[in-house]
Amino acid sequence: DMSDGTTTLMTYSINGNSQDYITGLGHANDIALMSNGGNYYMYVV
């Protein structure tokens, strides 16, 4: 949160289960954000 610095570990939802990590992002060197039709996305290189 940019207003107060509160930081939350996000949850990955896969096949109806939840976990605190994701595989398949490789080096995950950068992120682009986008909103579309009220939905929010991250694109990760």
PDB file of all heavy atoms in Angstrom:
ATOM      1  N   ASP A   1       0.858  -1.185   0.000  1.00  0.00           N
ATOM      2  CA  ASP A   1       0.000   0.000   0.000  1.00  0.00           C
ATOM      3  C   ASP A   1       0.895   1.236   0.000  1.00  0.00           C
ATOM      4  O   ASP A   1       1.692   1.442   0.923  1.00  0.00           O
ATOM      5  CB  ASP A   1      -0.898  -0.017   1.237  1.00  0.00           C
ATOM      6  CG  ASP A   1      -1.981   1.040   1.187  1.00  0.00           C
ATOM      7  OD1 ASP A   1      -1.702   2.171   0.735  1.00  0.00           O
ATOM      8  OD2 ASP A   1      -3.108   0.766   1.635  1.00  0.00           O
ATOM      9  N   MET A   2       0.775   2.079  -1.014  1.00  0.00           N
ATOM     10  CA  MET A   2       1.650   3.234  -1.125  1.00  0.00           C
ATOM     11  C   MET A   2       1.360   4.299  -0.069  1.00  0.00           C
ATOM     12  O   MET A   2       2.210   5.141   0.201  1.00  0.00           O
ATOM     13  CB  MET A   2       1.552   3.839  -2.530  1.00  0.00           C
ATOM     14  CG  MET A   2       2.165   2.954  -3.602  1.00  0.00           C
ATOM     15  SD  MET A   2       2.250   3.743  -5.236  1.00  0.00           S
ATOM     16  CE  MET A   2       0.533   3.658  -5.725  1.00  0.00           C
ATOM     17  N   SER A   3       0.183   4.253   0.543  1.00  0.00           N
ATOM     18  CA  SER A   3      -0.159   5.278   1.527  1.00  0.00           C
ATOM     19  C   SER A   3       0.492   5.054   2.880  1.00  0.00           C
ATOM     20  O   SER A   3       0.805   6.010   3.592  1.00  0.00           O
ATOM     21  CB  SER A   3      -1.677   5.355   1.709  1.00  0.00           C
ATOM     22  OG  SER A   3      -2.174   4.157   2.313  1.00  0.00           O
ATOM     23  N   ASP A   4       0.736   3.769   3.235  1.00  0.00           N
ATOM     24  CA  ASP A   4       1.283   3.511   4.572  1.00  0.00           C
ATOM     25  C   ASP A   4       2.345   2.410   4.609  1.00  0.00           C
ATOM     26  O   ASP A   4       2.867   2.089   5.679  1.00  0.00           O
ATOM     27  CB  ASP A   4       0.163   3.178   5.552  1.00  0.00           C
ATOM     28  CG  ASP A   4      -0.643   1.934   5.175  1.00  0.00           C
ATOM     29  OD1 ASP A   4      -0.219   1.186   4.263  1.00  0.00           O
ATOM     30  OD2 ASP A   4      -1.703   1.701   5.787  1.00  0.00           O
ATOM     31  N   GLY A   5       2.656   1.817   3.458  1.00  0.00           N
ATOM     32  CA  GLY A   5       3.689   0.788   3.408  1.00  0.00           C
ATOM     33  C   GLY A   5       3.256  -0.596   3.817  1.00  0.00           C
ATOM     34  O   GLY A   5       4.072  -1.530   3.825  1.00  0.00           O
ATOM     35  N   THR A   6       1.975  -0.777   4.147  1.00  0.00           N
ATOM     36  CA  THR A   6       1.496  -2.114   4.518  1.00  0.00           C
ATOM     37  C   THR A   6       1.703  -3.085   3.362  1.00  0.00           C
ATOM     38  O   THR A   6       1.272  -2.833   2.233  1.00  0.00           O
ATOM     39  CB  THR A   6       0.004  -2.080   4.884  1.00  0.00           C
ATOM     40  OG1 THR A   6      -0.191  -1.196   5.975  1.00  0.00           O
ATOM     41  CG2 THR A   6      -0.496  -3.467   5.249  1.00  0.00           C
ATOM     42  N   THR A   7       2.377  -4.195   3.636  1.00  0.00           N
ATOM     43  CA  THR A   7       2.732  -5.153   2.589  1.00  0.00           C
ATOM     44  C   THR A   7       2.081  -6.499   2.866  1.00  0.00           C
ATOM     45  O   THR A   7       2.124  -7.005   3.987  1.00  0.00           O
ATOM     46  CB  THR A   7       4.257  -5.311   2.496  1.00  0.00           C
ATOM     47  OG1 THR A   7       4.829  -4.049   2.123  1.00  0.00           O
ATOM     48  CG2 THR A   7       4.649  -6.349   1.462  1.00  0.00           C
ATOM     49  N   THR A   8       1.492  -7.070   1.822  1.00  0.00           N
ATOM     50  CA  THR A   8       0.769  -8.330   1.936  1.00  0.00           C
ATOM     51  C   THR A   8       1.329  -9.340   0.939  1.00  0.00           C
ATOM     52  O   THR A   8       1.547  -9.005  -0.232  1.00  0.00           O
ATOM     53  CB  THR A   8      -0.731  -8.118   1.640  1.00  0.00           C
ATOM     54  OG1 THR A   8      -1.253  -7.114   2.508  1.00  0.00           O
ATOM     55  CG2 THR A   8      -1.509  -9.419   1.821  1.00  0.00           C
ATOM     56  N   LEU A   9       1.592 -10.546   1.402  1.00  0.00           N
ATOM     57  CA  LEU A   9       1.974 -11.636   0.521  1.00  0.00           C
ATOM     58  C   LEU A   9       0.725 -12.119  -0.203  1.00  0.00           C
ATOM     59  O   LEU A   9      -0.242 -12.564   0.417  1.00  0.00           O
ATOM     60  CB  LEU A   9       2.599 -12.777   1.318  1.00  0.00           C
ATOM     61  CG  LEU A   9       2.926 -14.072   0.557  1.00  0.00           C
ATOM     62  CD1 LEU A   9       3.886 -13.803  -0.593  1.00  0.00           C
ATOM     63  CD2 LEU A   9       3.498 -15.119   1.505  1.00  0.00           C
ATOM     64  N   MET A  10       0.710 -12.017  -1.528  1.00  0.00           N
ATOM     65  CA  MET A  10      -0.457 -12.387  -2.304  1.00  0.00           C
ATOM     66  C   MET A  10      -0.578 -13.903  -2.427  1.00  0.00           C
ATOM     67  O   MET A  10       0.399 -14.634  -2.237  1.00  0.00           O
ATOM     68  CB  MET A  10      -0.392 -11.727  -3.687  1.00  0.00           C
ATOM     69  CG  MET A  10      -0.388 -10.203  -3.623  1.00  0.00           C
ATOM     70  SD  MET A  10      -0.321  -9.398  -5.243  1.00  0.00           S
ATOM     71  CE  MET A  10      -1.962  -9.762  -5.889  1.00  0.00           C
ATOM     72  N   THR A  11      -1.773 -14.359  -2.750  1.00  0.00           N
ATOM     73  CA  THR A  11      -2.089 -15.784  -2.809  1.00  0.00           C
ATOM     74  C   THR A  11      -2.339 -16.214  -4.245  1.00  0.00           C
ATOM     75  O   THR A  11      -3.090 -15.559  -4.980  1.00  0.00           O
ATOM     76  CB  THR A  11      -3.334 -16.095  -1.960  1.00  0.00           C
ATOM     77  OG1 THR A  11      -3.095 -15.720  -0.609  1.00  0.00           O
ATOM     78  CG2 THR A  11      -3.685 -17.565  -2.029  1.00  0.00           C
ATOM     79  N   TYR A  12      -1.714 -17.306  -4.630  1.00  0.00           N
ATOM     80  CA  TYR A  12      -1.897 -17.875  -5.965  1.00  0.00           C
ATOM     81  C   TYR A  12      -2.994 -18.928  -5.901  1.00  0.00           C
ATOM     82  O   TYR A  12      -2.923 -19.880  -5.120  1.00  0.00           O
ATOM     83  CB  TYR A  12      -0.589 -18.485  -6.446  1.00  0.00           C
ATOM     84  CG  TYR A  12      -0.666 -19.192  -7.779  1.00  0.00           C
ATOM     85  CD1 TYR A  12      -1.345 -18.644  -8.862  1.00  0.00           C
ATOM     86  CD2 TYR A  12      -0.028 -20.423  -7.957  1.00  0.00           C
ATOM     87  CE1 TYR A  12      -1.395 -19.291 -10.082  1.00  0.00           C
ATOM     88  CE2 TYR A  12      -0.059 -21.075  -9.182  1.00  0.00           C
ATOM     89  CZ  TYR A  12      -0.747 -20.502 -10.238  1.00  0.00           C
ATOM     90  OH  TYR A  12      -0.785 -21.153 -11.447  1.00  0.00           O
ATOM     91  N   SER A  13      -4.012 -18.778  -6.744  1.00  0.00           N
ATOM     92  CA  SER A  13      -5.118 -19.730  -6.812  1.00  0.00           C
ATOM     93  C   SER A  13      -4.944 -20.603  -8.042  1.00  0.00           C
ATOM     94  O   SER A  13      -4.865 -20.097  -9.170  1.00  0.00           O
ATOM     95  CB  SER A  13      -6.453 -18.989  -6.882  1.00  0.00           C
ATOM     96  OG  SER A  13      -7.526 -19.903  -6.988  1.00  0.00           O
ATOM     97  N   ILE A  14      -4.863 -21.929  -7.825  1.00  0.00           N
ATOM     98  CA  ILE A  14      -4.653 -22.866  -8.926  1.00  0.00           C
ATOM     99  C   ILE A  14      -5.476 -24.126  -8.698  1.00  0.00           C
ATOM    100  O   ILE A  14      -5.399 -24.754  -7.637  1.00  0.00           O
ATOM    101  CB  ILE A  14      -3.148 -23.214  -9.079  1.00  0.00           C
ATOM    102  CG1 ILE A  14      -2.946 -24.231 -10.197  1.00  0.00           C
ATOM    103  CG2 ILE A  14      -2.521 -23.653  -7.785  1.00  0.00           C
ATOM    104  CD1 ILE A  14      -1.493 -24.479 -10.546  1.00  0.00           C
ATOM    105  N   ASN A  15      -6.320 -24.448  -9.680  1.00  0.00           N
ATOM    106  CA  ASN A  15      -7.149 -25.663  -9.623  1.00  0.00           C
ATOM    107  C   ASN A  15      -7.950 -25.745  -8.327  1.00  0.00           C
ATOM    108  O   ASN A  15      -8.098 -26.814  -7.726  1.00  0.00           O
ATOM    109  CB  ASN A  15      -6.274 -26.909  -9.770  1.00  0.00           C
ATOM    110  CG  ASN A  15      -5.537 -26.949 -11.090  1.00  0.00           C
ATOM    111  OD1 ASN A  15      -6.060 -26.513 -12.122  1.00  0.00           O
ATOM    112  ND2 ASN A  15      -4.313 -27.467 -11.072  1.00  0.00           N
ATOM    113  N   GLY A  16      -8.469 -24.611  -7.895  1.00  0.00           N
ATOM    114  CA  GLY A  16      -9.296 -24.586  -6.698  1.00  0.00           C
ATOM    115  C   GLY A  16      -8.524 -24.573  -5.400  1.00  0.00           C
ATOM    116  O   GLY A  16      -9.127 -24.535  -4.325  1.00  0.00           O
ATOM    117  N   ASN A  17      -7.199 -24.621  -5.468  1.00  0.00           N
ATOM    118  CA  ASN A  17      -6.363 -24.585  -4.273  1.00  0.00           C
ATOM    119  C   ASN A  17      -5.618 -23.252  -4.182  1.00  0.00           C
ATOM    120  O   ASN A  17      -5.448 -22.547  -5.186  1.00  0.00           O
ATOM    121  CB  ASN A  17      -5.356 -25.737  -4.293  1.00  0.00           C
ATOM    122  CG  ASN A  17      -6.032 -27.090  -4.308  1.00  0.00           C
ATOM    123  OD1 ASN A  17      -6.954 -27.342  -3.539  1.00  0.00           O
ATOM    124  ND2 ASN A  17      -5.589 -27.962  -5.206  1.00  0.00           N
ATOM    125  N   SER A  18      -5.160 -22.929  -2.992  1.00  0.00           N
ATOM    126  CA  SER A  18      -4.437 -21.693  -2.776  1.00  0.00           C
ATOM    127  C   SER A  18      -3.056 -21.976  -2.204  1.00  0.00           C
ATOM    128  O   SER A  18      -2.891 -22.878  -1.379  1.00  0.00           O
ATOM    129  CB  SER A  18      -5.214 -20.778  -1.815  1.00  0.00           C
ATOM    130  OG  SER A  18      -6.444 -20.386  -2.382  1.00  0.00           O
ATOM    131  N   GLN A  19      -2.069 -21.212  -2.659  1.00  0.00           N
ATOM    132  CA  GLN A  19      -0.720 -21.338  -2.120  1.00  0.00           C
ATOM    133  C   GLN A  19      -0.041 -19.980  -2.209  1.00  0.00           C
ATOM    134  O   GLN A  19      -0.529 -19.073  -2.901  1.00  0.00           O
ATOM    135  CB  GLN A  19       0.069 -22.398  -2.888  1.00  0.00           C
ATOM    136  CG  GLN A  19       0.172 -22.148  -4.386  1.00  0.00           C
ATOM    137  CD  GLN A  19       0.712 -23.345  -5.153  1.00  0.00           C
ATOM    138  OE1 GLN A  19       0.279 -24.481  -4.951  1.00  0.00           O
ATOM    139  NE2 GLN A  19       1.671 -23.102  -6.045  1.00  0.00           N
ATOM    140  N   ASP A  20       1.078 -19.834  -1.500  1.00  0.00           N
ATOM    141  CA  ASP A  20       1.715 -18.514  -1.449  1.00  0.00           C
ATOM    142  C   ASP A  20       2.797 -18.331  -2.502  1.00  0.00           C
ATOM    143  O   ASP A  20       3.497 -17.319  -2.497  1.00  0.00           O
ATOM    144  CB  ASP A  20       2.286 -18.237  -0.053  1.00  0.00           C
ATOM    145  CG  ASP A  20       3.302 -19.280   0.378  1.00  0.00           C
ATOM    146  OD1 ASP A  20       3.760 -20.058  -0.477  1.00  0.00           O
ATOM    147  OD2 ASP A  20       3.648 -19.310   1.577  1.00  0.00           O
ATOM    148  N   TYR A  21       2.945 -19.268  -3.444  1.00  0.00           N
ATOM    149  CA  TYR A  21       3.959 -19.129  -4.477  1.00  0.00           C
ATOM    150  C   TYR A  21       3.419 -19.613  -5.821  1.00  0.00           C
ATOM    151  O   TYR A  21       2.415 -20.324  -5.899  1.00  0.00           O
ATOM    152  CB  TYR A  21       5.219 -19.924  -4.128  1.00  0.00           C
ATOM    153  CG  TYR A  21       5.020 -21.424  -4.152  1.00  0.00           C
ATOM    154  CD1 TYR A  21       5.214 -22.154  -5.320  1.00  0.00           C
ATOM    155  CD2 TYR A  21       4.615 -22.119  -3.018  1.00  0.00           C
ATOM    156  CE1 TYR A  21       5.015 -23.521  -5.359  1.00  0.00           C
ATOM    157  CE2 TYR A  21       4.414 -23.493  -3.034  1.00  0.00           C
ATOM    158  CZ  TYR A  21       4.618 -24.192  -4.212  1.00  0.00           C
ATOM    159  OH  TYR A  21       4.405 -25.547  -4.240  1.00  0.00           O
ATOM    160  N   ILE A  22       4.127 -19.227  -6.887  1.00  0.00           N
ATOM    161  CA  ILE A  22       3.792 -19.664  -8.231  1.00  0.00           C
ATOM    162  C   ILE A  22       5.076 -20.114  -8.918  1.00  0.00           C
ATOM    163  O   ILE A  22       6.153 -19.581  -8.657  1.00  0.00           O
ATOM    164  CB  ILE A  22       3.117 -18.517  -9.035  1.00  0.00           C
ATOM    165  CG1 ILE A  22       2.762 -18.982 -10.448  1.00  0.00           C
ATOM    166  CG2 ILE A  22       4.005 -17.275  -9.074  1.00  0.00           C
ATOM    167  CD1 ILE A  22       1.957 -17.939 -11.241  1.00  0.00           C
ATOM    168  N   THR A  23       4.974 -21.111  -9.768  1.00  0.00           N
ATOM    169  CA  THR A  23       6.107 -21.525 -10.596  1.00  0.00           C
ATOM    170  C   THR A  23       5.843 -21.075 -12.030  1.00  0.00           C
ATOM    171  O   THR A  23       4.724 -20.737 -12.392  1.00  0.00           O
ATOM    172  CB  THR A  23       6.309 -23.046 -10.561  1.00  0.00           C
ATOM    173  OG1 THR A  23       5.098 -23.683 -11.030  1.00  0.00           O
ATOM    174  CG2 THR A  23       6.614 -23.521  -9.142  1.00  0.00           C
ATOM    175  N   GLY A  24       6.884 -21.073 -12.851  1.00  0.00           N
ATOM    176  CA  GLY A  24       6.706 -20.747 -14.254  1.00  0.00           C
ATOM    177  C   GLY A  24       6.956 -19.294 -14.619  1.00  0.00           C
ATOM    178  O   GLY A  24       6.778 -18.918 -15.780  1.00  0.00           O
ATOM    179  N   LEU A  25       7.393 -18.463 -13.654  1.00  0.00           N
ATOM    180  CA  LEU A  25       7.676 -17.063 -13.963  1.00  0.00           C
ATOM    181  C   LEU A  25       9.138 -16.828 -14.297  1.00  0.00           C
ATOM    182  O   LEU A  25       9.542 -15.698 -14.587  1.00  0.00           O
ATOM    183  CB  LEU A  25       7.276 -16.150 -12.789  1.00  0.00           C
ATOM    184  CG  LEU A  25       5.791 -16.105 -12.437  1.00  0.00           C
ATOM    185  CD1 LEU A  25       5.538 -15.025 -11.394  1.00  0.00           C
ATOM    186  CD2 LEU A  25       4.918 -15.875 -13.673  1.00  0.00           C
ATOM    187  N   GLY A  26       9.940 -17.891 -14.259  1.00  0.00           N
ATOM    188  CA  GLY A  26      11.352 -17.758 -14.606  1.00  0.00           C
ATOM    189  C   GLY A  26      12.057 -16.739 -13.741  1.00  0.00           C
ATOM    190  O   GLY A  26      11.903 -16.735 -12.515  1.00  0.00           O
ATOM    191  N   HIS A  27      12.814 -15.843 -14.380  1.00  0.00           N
ATOM    192  CA  HIS A  27      13.550 -14.814 -13.643  1.00  0.00           C
ATOM    193  C   HIS A  27      12.634 -13.678 -13.188  1.00  0.00           C
ATOM    194  O   HIS A  27      13.036 -12.874 -12.324  1.00  0.00           O
ATOM    195  CB  HIS A  27      14.676 -14.264 -14.517  1.00  0.00           C
ATOM    196  CG  HIS A  27      15.739 -13.560 -13.748  1.00  0.00           C
ATOM    197  ND1 HIS A  27      16.616 -14.220 -12.915  1.00  0.00           N
ATOM    198  CD2 HIS A  27      16.077 -12.252 -13.667  1.00  0.00           C
ATOM    199  CE1 HIS A  27      17.449 -13.341 -12.361  1.00  0.00           C
ATOM    200  NE2 HIS A  27      17.140 -12.144 -12.811  1.00  0.00           N
ATOM    201  N   ALA A  28      11.431 -13.590 -13.771  1.00  0.00           N
ATOM    202  CA  ALA A  28      10.427 -12.591 -13.357  1.00  0.00           C
ATOM    203  C   ALA A  28      11.039 -11.196 -13.253  1.00  0.00           C
ATOM    204  O   ALA A  28      10.853 -10.483 -12.280  1.00  0.00           O
ATOM    205  CB  ALA A  28       9.795 -13.000 -12.034  1.00  0.00           C
ATOM    206  N   ASN A  29      11.725 -10.777 -14.299  1.00  0.00           N
ATOM    207  CA  ASN A  29      12.568  -9.591 -14.213  1.00  0.00           C
ATOM    208  C   ASN A  29      11.809  -8.274 -14.232  1.00  0.00           C
ATOM    209  O   ASN A  29      12.331  -7.254 -13.770  1.00  0.00           O
ATOM    210  CB  ASN A  29      13.583  -9.583 -15.354  1.00  0.00           C
ATOM    211  CG  ASN A  29      14.854  -8.866 -15.000  1.00  0.00           C
ATOM    212  OD1 ASN A  29      15.555  -9.278 -14.086  1.00  0.00           O
ATOM    213  ND2 ASN A  29      15.145  -7.773 -15.703  1.00  0.00           N
ATOM    214  N   ASP A  30      10.581  -8.267 -14.753  1.00  0.00           N
ATOM    215  CA  ASP A  30       9.821  -7.012 -14.808  1.00  0.00           C
ATOM    216  C   ASP A  30       8.338  -7.322 -14.933  1.00  0.00           C
ATOM    217  O   ASP A  30       7.952  -8.428 -15.337  1.00  0.00           O
ATOM    218  CB  ASP A  30      10.295  -6.162 -15.993  1.00  0.00           C
ATOM    219  CG  ASP A  30       9.998  -4.678 -15.824  1.00  0.00           C
ATOM    220  OD1 ASP A  30       9.527  -4.277 -14.730  1.00  0.00           O
ATOM    221  OD2 ASP A  30      10.246  -3.909 -16.769  1.00  0.00           O
ATOM    222  N   ILE A  31       7.516  -6.319 -14.598  1.00  0.00           N
ATOM    223  CA  ILE A  31       6.061  -6.465 -14.598  1.00  0.00           C
ATOM    224  C   ILE A  31       5.439  -5.277 -15.307  1.00  0.00           C
ATOM    225  O   ILE A  31       5.862  -4.125 -15.107  1.00  0.00           O
ATOM    226  CB  ILE A  31       5.487  -6.499 -13.165  1.00  0.00           C
ATOM    227  CG1 ILE A  31       6.222  -7.500 -12.285  1.00  0.00           C
ATOM    228  CG2 ILE A  31       3.990  -6.781 -13.182  1.00  0.00           C
ATOM    229  CD1 ILE A  31       5.888  -7.351 -10.803  1.00  0.00           C
ATOM    230  N   ALA A  32       4.405  -5.525 -16.108  1.00  0.00           N
ATOM    231  CA  ALA A  32       3.560  -4.470 -16.662  1.00  0.00           C
ATOM    232  C   ALA A  32       2.145  -4.682 -16.137  1.00  0.00           C
ATOM    233  O   ALA A  32       1.638  -5.809 -16.142  1.00  0.00           O
ATOM    234  CB  ALA A  32       3.570  -4.499 -18.183  1.00  0.00           C
ATOM    235  N   LEU A  33       1.504  -3.620 -15.684  1.00  0.00           N
ATOM    236  CA  LEU A  33       0.139  -3.684 -15.173  1.00  0.00           C
ATOM    237  C   LEU A  33      -0.841  -3.194 -16.231  1.00  0.00           C
ATOM    238  O   LEU A  33      -0.528  -2.305 -17.023  1.00  0.00           O
ATOM    239  CB  LEU A  33      -0.013  -2.821 -13.924  1.00  0.00           C
ATOM    240  CG  LEU A  33       0.878  -3.158 -12.728  1.00  0.00           C
ATOM    241  CD1 LEU A  33       0.590  -2.183 -11.580  1.00  0.00           C
ATOM    242  CD2 LEU A  33       0.678  -4.596 -12.270  1.00  0.00           C
ATOM    243  N   MET A  34      -2.043  -3.782 -16.221  1.00  0.00           N
ATOM    244  CA  MET A  34      -3.085  -3.342 -17.144  1.00  0.00           C
ATOM    245  C   MET A  34      -4.453  -3.605 -16.531  1.00  0.00           C
ATOM    246  O   MET A  34      -4.664  -4.617 -15.859  1.00  0.00           O
ATOM    247  CB  MET A  34      -2.989  -4.086 -18.476  1.00  0.00           C
ATOM    248  CG  MET A  34      -3.980  -3.583 -19.528  1.00  0.00           C
ATOM    249  SD  MET A  34      -4.039  -4.643 -21.010  1.00  0.00           S
ATOM    250  CE  MET A  34      -4.975  -6.053 -20.394  1.00  0.00           C
ATOM    251  N   SER A  35      -5.392  -2.681 -16.756  1.00  0.00           N
ATOM    252  CA  SER A  35      -6.791  -2.919 -16.408  1.00  0.00           C
ATOM    253  C   SER A  35      -7.591  -2.987 -17.701  1.00  0.00           C
ATOM    254  O   SER A  35      -7.290  -2.290 -18.677  1.00  0.00           O
ATOM    255  CB  SER A  35      -7.326  -1.805 -15.503  1.00  0.00           C
ATOM    256  OG  SER A  35      -7.273  -0.552 -16.162  1.00  0.00           O
ATOM    257  N   ASN A  36      -8.614  -3.829 -17.703  1.00  0.00           N
ATOM    258  CA  ASN A  36      -9.439  -3.988 -18.891  1.00  0.00           C
ATOM    259  C   ASN A  36     -10.816  -4.485 -18.482  1.00  0.00           C
ATOM    260  O   ASN A  36     -10.931  -5.560 -17.881  1.00  0.00           O
ATOM    261  CB  ASN A  36      -8.800  -4.981 -19.879  1.00  0.00           C
ATOM    262  CG  ASN A  36      -9.609  -5.129 -21.153  1.00  0.00           C
ATOM    263  OD1 ASN A  36     -10.086  -4.160 -21.720  1.00  0.00           O
ATOM    264  ND2 ASN A  36      -9.778  -6.367 -21.608  1.00  0.00           N
ATOM    265  N   GLY A  37     -11.831  -3.702 -18.757  1.00  0.00           N
ATOM    266  CA  GLY A  37     -13.199  -4.104 -18.448  1.00  0.00           C
ATOM    267  C   GLY A  37     -13.434  -4.362 -16.983  1.00  0.00           C
ATOM    268  O   GLY A  37     -14.234  -5.246 -16.635  1.00  0.00           O
ATOM    269  N   GLY A  38     -12.763  -3.623 -16.113  1.00  0.00           N
ATOM    270  CA  GLY A  38     -12.924  -3.812 -14.682  1.00  0.00           C
ATOM    271  C   GLY A  38     -12.076  -4.920 -14.097  1.00  0.00           C
ATOM    272  O   GLY A  38     -12.157  -5.186 -12.896  1.00  0.00           O
ATOM    273  N   ASN A  39     -11.277  -5.577 -14.928  1.00  0.00           N
ATOM    274  CA  ASN A  39     -10.373  -6.624 -14.465  1.00  0.00           C
ATOM    275  C   ASN A  39      -8.933  -6.111 -14.464  1.00  0.00           C
ATOM    276  O   ASN A  39      -8.586  -5.213 -15.238  1.00  0.00           O
ATOM    277  CB  ASN A  39     -10.485  -7.857 -15.363  1.00  0.00           C
ATOM    278  CG  ASN A  39     -11.858  -8.477 -15.326  1.00  0.00           C
ATOM    279  OD1 ASN A  39     -12.442  -8.668 -14.260  1.00  0.00           O
ATOM    280  ND2 ASN A  39     -12.390  -8.787 -16.496  1.00  0.00           N
ATOM    281  N   TYR A  40      -8.098  -6.717 -13.614  1.00  0.00           N
ATOM    282  CA  TYR A  40      -6.726  -6.241 -13.428  1.00  0.00           C
ATOM    283  C   TYR A  40      -5.726  -7.363 -13.717  1.00  0.00           C
ATOM    284  O   TYR A  40      -5.932  -8.502 -13.295  1.00  0.00           O
ATOM    285  CB  TYR A  40      -6.550  -5.715 -12.002  1.00  0.00           C
ATOM    286  CG  TYR A  40      -7.431  -4.515 -11.726  1.00  0.00           C
ATOM    287  CD1 TYR A  40      -8.710  -4.691 -11.206  1.00  0.00           C
ATOM    288  CD2 TYR A  40      -6.996  -3.230 -12.019  1.00  0.00           C
ATOM    289  CE1 TYR A  40      -9.532  -3.596 -10.976  1.00  0.00           C
ATOM    290  CE2 TYR A  40      -7.808  -2.136 -11.787  1.00  0.00           C
ATOM    291  CZ  TYR A  40      -9.079  -2.320 -11.266  1.00  0.00           C
ATOM    292  OH  TYR A  40      -9.890  -1.244 -11.049  1.00  0.00           O
ATOM    293  N   TYR A  41      -4.654  -6.993 -14.426  1.00  0.00           N
ATOM    294  CA  TYR A  41      -3.708  -7.990 -14.887  1.00  0.00           C
ATOM    295  C   TYR A  41      -2.261  -7.542 -14.660  1.00  0.00           C
ATOM    296  O   TYR A  41      -1.954  -6.354 -14.654  1.00  0.00           O
ATOM    297  CB  TYR A  41      -3.904  -8.248 -16.389  1.00  0.00           C
ATOM    298  CG  TYR A  41      -5.300  -8.686 -16.750  1.00  0.00           C
ATOM    299  CD1 TYR A  41      -6.253  -7.748 -17.151  1.00  0.00           C
ATOM    300  CD2 TYR A  41      -5.675 -10.021 -16.669  1.00  0.00           C
ATOM    301  CE1 TYR A  41      -7.547  -8.147 -17.482  1.00  0.00           C
ATOM    302  CE2 TYR A  41      -6.956 -10.430 -16.994  1.00  0.00           C
ATOM    303  CZ  TYR A  41      -7.894  -9.479 -17.395  1.00  0.00           C
ATOM    304  OH  TYR A  41      -9.178  -9.881 -17.707  1.00  0.00           O
ATOM    305  N   MET A  42      -1.382  -8.542 -14.494  1.00  0.00           N
ATOM    306  CA  MET A  42       0.056  -8.350 -14.520  1.00  0.00           C
ATOM    307  C   MET A  42       0.616  -9.169 -15.674  1.00  0.00           C
ATOM    308  O   MET A  42       0.235 -10.328 -15.859  1.00  0.00           O
ATOM    309  CB  MET A  42       0.722  -8.875 -13.235  1.00  0.00           C
ATOM    310  CG  MET A  42       0.303  -8.253 -11.959  1.00  0.00           C
ATOM    311  SD  MET A  42       1.239  -9.036 -10.593  1.00  0.00           S
ATOM    312  CE  MET A  42       0.181  -8.577  -9.216  1.00  0.00           C
ATOM    313  N   TYR A  43       1.534  -8.564 -16.433  1.00  0.00           N
ATOM    314  CA  TYR A  43       2.285  -9.293 -17.444  1.00  0.00           C
ATOM    315  C   TYR A  43       3.726  -9.361 -16.953  1.00  0.00           C
ATOM    316  O   TYR A  43       4.352  -8.327 -16.683  1.00  0.00           O
ATOM    317  CB  TYR A  43       2.219  -8.587 -18.794  1.00  0.00           C
ATOM    318  CG  TYR A  43       0.858  -8.606 -19.443  1.00  0.00           C
ATOM    319  CD1 TYR A  43      -0.093  -7.639 -19.138  1.00  0.00           C
ATOM    320  CD2 TYR A  43       0.518  -9.593 -20.371  1.00  0.00           C
ATOM    321  CE1 TYR A  43      -1.339  -7.640 -19.746  1.00  0.00           C
ATOM    322  CE2 TYR A  43      -0.720  -9.607 -20.985  1.00  0.00           C
ATOM    323  CZ  TYR A  43      -1.652  -8.626 -20.661  1.00  0.00           C
ATOM    324  OH  TYR A  43      -2.895  -8.638 -21.264  1.00  0.00           O
ATOM    325  N   VAL A  44       4.279 -10.559 -16.860  1.00  0.00           N
ATOM    326  CA  VAL A  44       5.608 -10.776 -16.285  1.00  0.00           C
ATOM    327  C   VAL A  44       6.534 -11.344 -17.354  1.00  0.00           C
ATOM    328  O   VAL A  44       6.214 -12.363 -17.978  1.00  0.00           O
ATOM    329  CB  VAL A  44       5.539 -11.748 -15.085  1.00  0.00           C
ATOM    330  CG1 VAL A  44       6.920 -11.935 -14.470  1.00  0.00           C
ATOM    331  CG2 VAL A  44       4.537 -11.252 -14.041  1.00  0.00           C
ATOM    332  N   VAL A  45       7.701 -10.690 -17.563  1.00  0.00           N
ATOM    333  CA  VAL A  45       8.697 -11.255 -18.479  1.00  0.00           C
ATOM    334  C   VAL A  45       9.554 -12.257 -17.717  1.00  0.00           C
ATOM    335  O   VAL A  45      10.051 -11.975 -16.626  1.00  0.00           O
ATOM    336  CB  VAL A  45       9.576 -10.177 -19.128  1.00  0.00           C
ATOM    337  CG1 VAL A  45       8.836  -9.454 -20.219  1.00  0.00           C
ATOM    338  CG2 VAL A  45      10.124  -9.186 -18.122  1.00  0.00           C
TER     339      VAL A  45
END
